């Protein structure tokens, strides 16, 4: 007998393996989808829990009917708010944790923050504490000086809010104007 004749019965006895086990594959895909849904559900619960922890934060003030003439205005992005000095401690109460487009207007009355699709708010001039350029706020890190951070008092809490202009060259003018407003209100205004 030749070698080919000896291998022929062995080849006939071998059965080819199934190419795809569809039941196992569908099971793995469903398991992965359930795991992803569970992780998103946990993240949502954590967000709601953080909001309930911050429920002592007072309602955000609305803009006055006559805010006065605009000193500066800017359009850009709102990246969120944190407890002042703690750039990872995001505040989510009253919609402050939601990123959005923003239109900022600085007047003698204060800073008007208009956010399409999210809660607008107003920071009275007496509540403005300072402005600075920084590189990050919870969940957003940019190049050094790429973020305008406005520190303000709300109730008994100091808050840092992060903004980025569509034209980042405007940031310096905002820092100077807000710090000048703060200097005026703390030395001559109601916050003596």
Protein backbone atom coordinates (compact mmCIF):
# COMPACT_ATOMS: atom_id res chain seq x y z
CA UNK A 1 0.00 0.00 0.00
CA UNK A 2 1.04 3.49 -0.71
CA UNK A 3 1.10 6.34 1.72
CA UNK A 4 -1.85 7.98 -0.03
CA UNK A 5 -3.96 4.84 0.43
CA UNK A 6 -3.13 4.79 4.16
CA UNK A 7 -4.15 8.45 4.67
CA UNK A 8 -7.41 8.09 2.74
CA UNK A 9 -9.29 6.26 5.51
CA UNK A 10 -7.98 8.75 8.10
CA UNK A 11 -9.23 11.70 6.04
CA UNK A 12 -12.61 10.07 5.60
CA UNK A 13 -12.96 9.61 9.34
CA UNK A 14 -12.21 13.27 10.12
CA UNK A 15 -15.19 15.55 10.23
CA UNK A 16 -14.75 19.23 9.49
CA UNK A 17 -15.40 21.56 12.40
CA UNK A 18 -18.31 23.98 12.31
CA UNK A 19 -17.21 27.36 11.12
CA UNK A 20 -19.41 29.45 13.38
CA UNK A 21 -21.21 28.58 16.56
CA UNK A 22 -24.02 31.13 16.23
CA UNK A 23 -25.59 30.45 19.60
CA UNK A 24 -22.33 31.14 21.44
CA UNK A 25 -21.61 34.23 19.38
CA UNK A 26 -25.10 35.70 19.96
CA UNK A 27 -24.77 34.91 23.67
CA UNK A 28 -21.46 36.80 23.90
CA UNK A 29 -22.83 39.82 22.00
CA UNK A 30 -25.95 39.98 24.22
CA UNK A 31 -23.80 39.62 27.33
CA UNK A 32 -21.55 42.46 26.20
CA UNK A 33 -24.53 44.71 25.41
CA UNK A 34 -26.05 43.98 28.83
CA UNK A 35 -22.74 44.79 30.52
CA UNK A 36 -22.46 48.13 28.66
CA UNK A 37 -26.08 49.01 29.55
CA UNK A 38 -25.37 48.16 33.21
CA UNK A 39 -22.27 50.41 33.27
CA UNK A 40 -24.25 53.32 31.77
CA UNK A 41 -27.02 52.76 34.31
CA UNK A 42 -24.46 52.88 37.15
CA UNK A 43 -22.99 56.12 35.74
CA UNK A 44 -26.48 57.68 35.60
CA UNK A 45 -27.19 56.60 39.18
CA UNK A 46 -23.89 58.15 40.29
CA UNK A 47 -24.79 61.42 38.55
CA UNK A 48 -28.20 61.47 40.28
CA UNK A 49 -26.61 60.61 43.63
CA UNK A 50 -24.12 63.49 43.24
CA UNK A 51 -27.04 65.81 42.45
CA UNK A 52 -28.88 64.73 45.60
CA UNK A 53 -25.74 65.34 47.69
CA UNK A 54 -25.63 68.89 46.30
CA UNK A 55 -29.34 69.56 46.87
CA UNK A 56 -28.49 72.19 49.51
CA UNK A 57 -27.24 74.50 46.73
CA UNK A 58 -29.78 77.35 46.30
CA UNK A 59 -31.61 77.89 43.01
CA UNK A 60 -29.61 79.74 40.39
CA UNK A 61 -30.50 83.42 40.00
CA UNK A 62 -32.08 84.62 36.77
CA UNK A 63 -31.02 87.70 34.84
CA UNK A 64 -32.51 91.04 35.89
CA UNK A 65 -34.96 92.70 33.53
CA UNK A 66 -32.59 95.62 32.88
CA UNK A 67 -29.03 94.27 33.18
CA UNK A 68 -27.47 97.37 31.63
CA UNK A 69 -25.11 97.88 28.74
CA UNK A 70 -22.87 94.98 27.74
CA UNK A 71 -19.18 95.47 28.53
CA UNK A 72 -18.12 92.19 26.90
CA UNK A 73 -19.86 89.35 25.14
CA UNK A 74 -18.62 86.02 23.92
CA UNK A 75 -19.91 82.80 22.44
CA UNK A 76 -18.28 79.46 23.06
CA UNK A 77 -18.67 76.40 25.26
CA UNK A 78 -19.59 75.93 28.90
CA UNK A 79 -17.57 73.00 30.29
CA UNK A 80 -19.04 72.73 33.77
CA UNK A 81 -18.70 73.95 37.32
CA UNK A 82 -16.74 72.63 40.26
CA UNK A 83 -16.17 73.51 43.89
CA UNK A 84 -13.62 76.35 43.83
CA UNK A 85 -10.05 75.12 44.03
CA UNK A 86 -11.08 71.47 43.49
CA UNK A 87 -11.05 71.06 39.72
CA UNK A 88 -12.34 67.45 39.84
CA UNK A 89 -15.29 68.02 42.23
CA UNK A 90 -18.00 68.58 39.59
CA UNK A 91 -21.24 70.29 40.61
CA UNK A 92 -24.26 68.75 38.89
CA UNK A 93 -27.13 70.35 40.85
CA UNK A 94 -29.42 72.73 38.91
CA UNK A 95 -27.91 71.67 35.58
CA UNK A 96 -24.45 73.10 36.32
CA UNK A 97 -22.85 69.80 35.30
CA UNK A 98 -24.23 69.80 31.76
CA UNK A 99 -21.88 70.90 29.02
CA UNK A 100 -23.39 73.14 26.40
CA UNK A 101 -22.92 76.02 24.01
CA UNK A 102 -22.89 79.35 25.81
CA UNK A 103 -23.41 83.05 25.22
CA UNK A 104 -21.74 85.14 27.96
CA UNK A 105 -22.52 88.80 28.53
CA UNK A 106 -20.77 90.90 31.19
CA UNK A 107 -22.66 94.00 32.34
CA UNK A 108 -22.50 96.29 35.36
CA UNK A 109 -25.16 94.06 36.96
CA UNK A 110 -23.13 90.86 36.53
CA UNK A 111 -22.45 87.93 34.23
CA UNK A 112 -25.35 86.56 32.18
CA UNK A 113 -24.83 82.92 31.14
CA UNK A 114 -27.23 81.85 28.38
CA UNK A 115 -27.05 78.16 27.49
CA UNK A 116 -29.24 76.89 24.65
CA UNK A 117 -30.69 73.52 25.65
CA UNK A 118 -29.63 73.87 29.30
CA UNK A 119 -30.46 76.03 32.34
CA UNK A 120 -29.46 79.69 31.97
CA UNK A 121 -28.18 81.51 35.04
CA UNK A 122 -26.95 84.90 36.15
CA UNK A 123 -24.04 85.75 38.43
CA UNK A 124 -24.59 89.13 40.12
CA UNK A 125 -21.55 91.43 40.08
CA UNK A 126 -21.36 91.32 43.88
CA UNK A 127 -20.97 87.52 43.72
CA UNK A 128 -18.10 87.52 41.19
CA UNK A 129 -14.82 86.78 42.97
CA UNK A 130 -12.17 86.39 40.26
CA UNK A 131 -11.35 85.12 36.80
CA UNK A 132 -8.25 83.33 35.62
CA UNK A 133 -6.90 81.31 32.74
CA UNK A 134 -6.35 77.64 33.46
CA UNK A 135 -5.86 74.37 31.65
CA UNK A 136 -8.61 72.19 33.04
CA UNK A 137 -11.87 71.60 34.85
CA UNK A 138 -13.64 68.30 35.64
CA UNK A 139 -13.65 66.21 32.49
CA UNK A 140 -11.92 68.75 30.24
CA UNK A 141 -8.20 69.44 29.92
CA UNK A 142 -6.83 71.87 27.35
CA UNK A 143 -3.55 73.61 26.66
CA UNK A 144 -2.26 75.93 29.39
CA UNK A 145 -4.48 79.04 29.49
CA UNK A 146 -7.09 77.51 27.17
CA UNK A 147 -9.96 77.76 29.64
CA UNK A 148 -11.55 80.81 31.24
CA UNK A 149 -12.38 80.00 34.88
CA UNK A 150 -14.80 82.34 36.67
CA UNK A 151 -14.97 81.99 40.46
CA UNK A 152 -18.21 83.14 42.07
CA UNK A 153 -20.10 82.87 45.34
CA UNK A 154 -23.44 81.04 45.39
CA UNK A 155 -25.00 80.73 48.80
CA UNK A 156 -22.18 79.68 51.12
CA UNK A 157 -20.25 77.91 48.35
CA UNK A 158 -17.48 79.19 46.08
CA UNK A 159 -17.88 77.83 42.55
CA UNK A 160 -15.49 77.70 39.59
CA UNK A 161 -17.21 77.69 36.19
CA UNK A 162 -15.24 76.88 33.05
CA UNK A 163 -15.80 78.54 29.67
CA UNK A 164 -13.96 78.39 26.36
CA UNK A 165 -14.51 81.08 23.78
CA UNK A 166 -14.77 80.32 20.09
CA UNK A 167 -11.92 82.85 19.84
CA UNK A 168 -9.58 82.07 22.74
CA UNK A 169 -7.71 85.36 22.28
CA UNK A 170 -10.70 86.99 24.07
CA UNK A 171 -9.96 85.21 27.34
CA UNK A 172 -7.44 87.76 28.60
CA UNK A 173 -9.90 90.65 28.19
CA UNK A 174 -12.48 88.67 30.19
CA UNK A 175 -10.03 88.00 33.02
CA UNK A 176 -9.15 91.70 33.24
CA UNK A 177 -12.78 92.87 33.08
CA UNK A 178 -14.09 90.42 35.69
CA UNK A 179 -11.19 91.06 38.06
CA UNK A 180 -11.76 94.81 37.65
CA UNK A 181 -15.48 94.34 38.38
CA UNK A 182 -14.60 92.31 41.48
CA UNK A 183 -12.15 94.97 42.65
CA UNK A 184 -14.81 97.66 42.28
CA UNK A 185 -17.58 95.75 44.09
CA UNK A 186 -15.40 94.68 47.01
CA UNK A 187 -13.88 98.12 47.70
CA UNK A 188 -16.72 100.48 46.86
CA UNK A 189 -19.82 98.38 46.39
CA UNK A 190 -22.15 96.39 48.59
CA UNK A 191 -19.63 93.64 49.41
CA UNK A 192 -17.46 95.85 51.68
